[in-house]
Amino acid sequence: MNLGEIPLFAMLKSRLGYLGERQRLIAQNVANADTPGYRPQDLRPFGFQAHVAAAATGGAGQPVRTDKAHLSGTVRRIAPHRAVEGKDSEVTLDGNAVSLEEQMLKMAEARIDYDAAIGFYQKSMGLVRTAARTPK
């Protein structure tokens, strides 16, 4: 059994990838806090409905055609991890728009979300292990 084929685990994997990428971007913003003209970046919010739709089509972007009588169609491909320019509140005289306080708040939020997703993953794995055990 491949756990990646279970929609719950596929969504958790996608969520963890999103949060890891968000932490990387926030760390990059903090590292460039003194770079003149630097604009902070962040990710768009994680869209649960977009990931449900991707899981329903197999994530490949094309529906499966099981019969030649079925109509062919196209599915819009979803790019959940696209960086966008963040909106921090202050810009210094040299044009840098990174607010370290806001970046630290975003990092704490991402860490809490990451810990929650890991906890949910561990609980789900426990349920799978319980279901896979032979009865006594």
Protein backbone atom coordinates (compact mmCIF):
# COMPACT_ATOMS: atom_id res chain seq x y z
CA MET A 1 0.00 0.00 0.00
CA ASN A 2 1.38 3.37 -1.02
CA LEU A 3 0.41 6.05 1.50
CA GLY A 4 0.84 8.73 -1.17
CA GLU A 5 -2.23 7.35 -2.94
CA ILE A 6 -4.45 8.03 0.08
CA PRO A 7 -5.91 11.54 -0.43
CA LEU A 8 -5.45 12.52 3.23
CA PHE A 9 -1.73 11.76 3.12
CA ALA A 10 -1.35 13.43 -0.29
CA MET A 11 -2.89 16.63 1.11
CA LEU A 12 -0.71 16.45 4.23
CA LYS A 13 2.38 16.03 2.06
CA SER A 14 1.36 19.04 -0.01
CA ARG A 15 0.66 21.08 3.14
CA LEU A 16 4.06 20.21 4.63
CA GLY A 17 5.76 21.13 1.35
CA TYR A 18 3.93 24.46 1.33
CA LEU A 19 4.94 25.22 4.93
CA GLY A 20 8.56 24.25 4.28
CA GLU A 21 8.70 26.55 1.27
CA ARG A 22 7.07 29.36 3.28
CA GLN A 23 9.68 29.00 6.04
CA ARG A 24 12.43 29.13 3.40
CA LEU A 25 11.04 32.38 1.94
CA ILE A 26 10.67 33.99 5.37
CA ALA A 27 14.27 33.05 6.23
CA GLN A 28 15.35 34.60 2.92
CA ASN A 29 13.47 37.78 3.82
CA VAL A 30 15.21 37.96 7.22
CA ALA A 31 18.60 37.35 5.59
CA ASN A 32 17.98 40.30 3.24
CA ALA A 33 16.73 42.67 5.95
CA ASP A 34 19.64 45.04 5.24
CA THR A 35 19.70 44.73 1.44
CA PRO A 36 18.78 48.05 -0.20
CA GLY A 37 15.63 47.86 -2.31
CA TYR A 38 14.73 44.32 -1.22
CA ARG A 39 11.02 43.50 -1.12
CA PRO A 40 9.89 40.60 1.09
CA GLN A 41 8.19 37.59 -0.47
CA ASP A 42 5.58 35.21 0.90
CA LEU A 43 3.39 32.45 -0.47
CA ARG A 44 -0.26 32.71 -1.27
CA PRO A 45 -2.43 31.15 1.43
CA PHE A 46 -2.73 27.38 1.21
CA GLY A 47 -5.91 26.68 -0.79
CA PHE A 48 -7.60 23.57 0.57
CA GLN A 49 -10.21 23.44 -2.23
CA ALA A 50 -7.52 23.66 -4.91
CA HIS A 51 -5.71 20.69 -3.42
CA VAL A 52 -8.92 18.67 -3.14
CA ALA A 53 -9.54 19.29 -6.84
CA ALA A 54 -5.95 18.29 -7.67
CA ALA A 55 -6.30 15.08 -5.65
CA ALA A 56 -9.58 14.26 -7.39
CA THR A 57 -7.90 14.38 -10.81
CA GLY A 58 -4.85 12.48 -9.66
CA GLY A 59 -2.81 15.66 -9.49
CA ALA A 60 -1.61 15.13 -13.05
CA GLY A 61 -3.75 17.90 -14.54
CA GLN A 62 -5.75 15.62 -16.85
CA PRO A 63 -8.81 13.53 -16.01
CA VAL A 64 -8.61 9.80 -16.63
CA ARG A 65 -10.57 8.72 -19.70
CA THR A 66 -11.82 5.19 -19.04
CA ASP A 67 -14.10 4.82 -22.06
CA LYS A 68 -13.78 6.09 -25.64
CA ALA A 69 -17.35 7.45 -25.37
CA HIS A 70 -16.30 9.82 -22.58
CA LEU A 71 -15.68 13.44 -23.49
CA SER A 72 -12.12 14.64 -23.18
CA GLY A 73 -11.53 17.78 -21.19
CA THR A 74 -8.84 19.87 -19.67
CA VAL A 75 -8.18 20.62 -16.05
CA ARG A 76 -6.41 23.75 -14.96
CA ARG A 77 -3.06 22.86 -13.43
CA ILE A 78 -2.62 24.16 -9.91
CA ALA A 79 0.63 25.78 -8.77
CA PRO A 80 0.22 26.08 -4.98
CA HIS A 81 3.76 27.19 -4.15
CA ARG A 82 4.14 30.41 -6.11
CA ALA A 83 5.88 33.26 -4.30
CA VAL A 84 4.28 36.69 -4.30
CA GLU A 85 5.58 39.98 -2.99
CA GLY A 86 4.67 40.36 0.68
CA LYS A 87 3.04 43.43 2.15
CA ASP A 88 5.10 44.54 5.12
CA SER A 89 4.17 47.77 6.82
CA GLU A 90 7.32 49.87 6.61
CA VAL A 91 9.90 50.84 4.00
CA THR A 92 13.27 52.23 5.03
CA LEU A 93 15.04 55.11 3.31
CA ASP A 94 17.14 52.69 1.24
CA GLY A 95 13.97 51.05 -0.14
CA ASN A 96 14.09 47.87 1.96
CA ALA A 97 10.59 46.77 2.95
CA VAL A 98 11.43 43.94 5.37
CA SER A 99 9.98 44.31 8.87
CA LEU A 100 11.78 41.84 11.12
CA GLU A 101 8.91 41.84 13.64
CA GLU A 102 6.38 40.84 10.99
CA GLN A 103 8.73 38.22 9.57
CA MET A 104 9.20 36.68 13.03
CA LEU A 105 5.41 36.57 13.50
CA LYS A 106 5.04 34.85 10.12
CA MET A 107 7.80 32.37 11.02
CA ALA A 108 6.10 31.54 14.34
CA GLU A 109 2.77 31.07 12.54
CA ALA A 110 4.37 28.80 9.94
CA ARG A 111 6.08 26.78 12.68
CA ILE A 112 2.80 26.31 14.59
CA ASP A 113 1.05 25.21 11.38
CA TYR A 114 3.93 22.84 10.58
CA ASP A 115 3.82 21.28 14.05
CA ALA A 116 0.03 20.84 13.76
CA ALA A 117 0.36 19.15 10.35
CA ILE A 118 3.09 16.82 11.67
CA GLY A 119 0.88 15.94 14.66
CA PHE A 120 -2.04 15.19 12.36
CA TYR A 121 0.22 13.06 10.17
CA GLN A 122 1.45 11.08 13.18
CA LYS A 123 -2.10 10.50 14.43
CA SER A 124 -3.18 9.37 10.97
CA MET A 125 -0.24 6.97 10.76
CA GLY A 126 -1.25 5.57 14.14
CA LEU A 127 -4.75 4.89 12.79
CA VAL A 128 -3.32 3.16 9.72
CA ARG A 129 -1.05 1.02 11.91
CA THR A 130 -4.00 0.09 14.14
CA ALA A 131 -6.11 -0.86 11.12
CA ALA A 132 -3.27 -2.93 9.62
CA ARG A 133 -2.66 -5.01 12.77
CA THR A 134 -3.93 -8.55 12.92
CA PRO A 135 -6.70 -9.04 15.46
CA LYS A 136 -5.72 -10.80 18.69
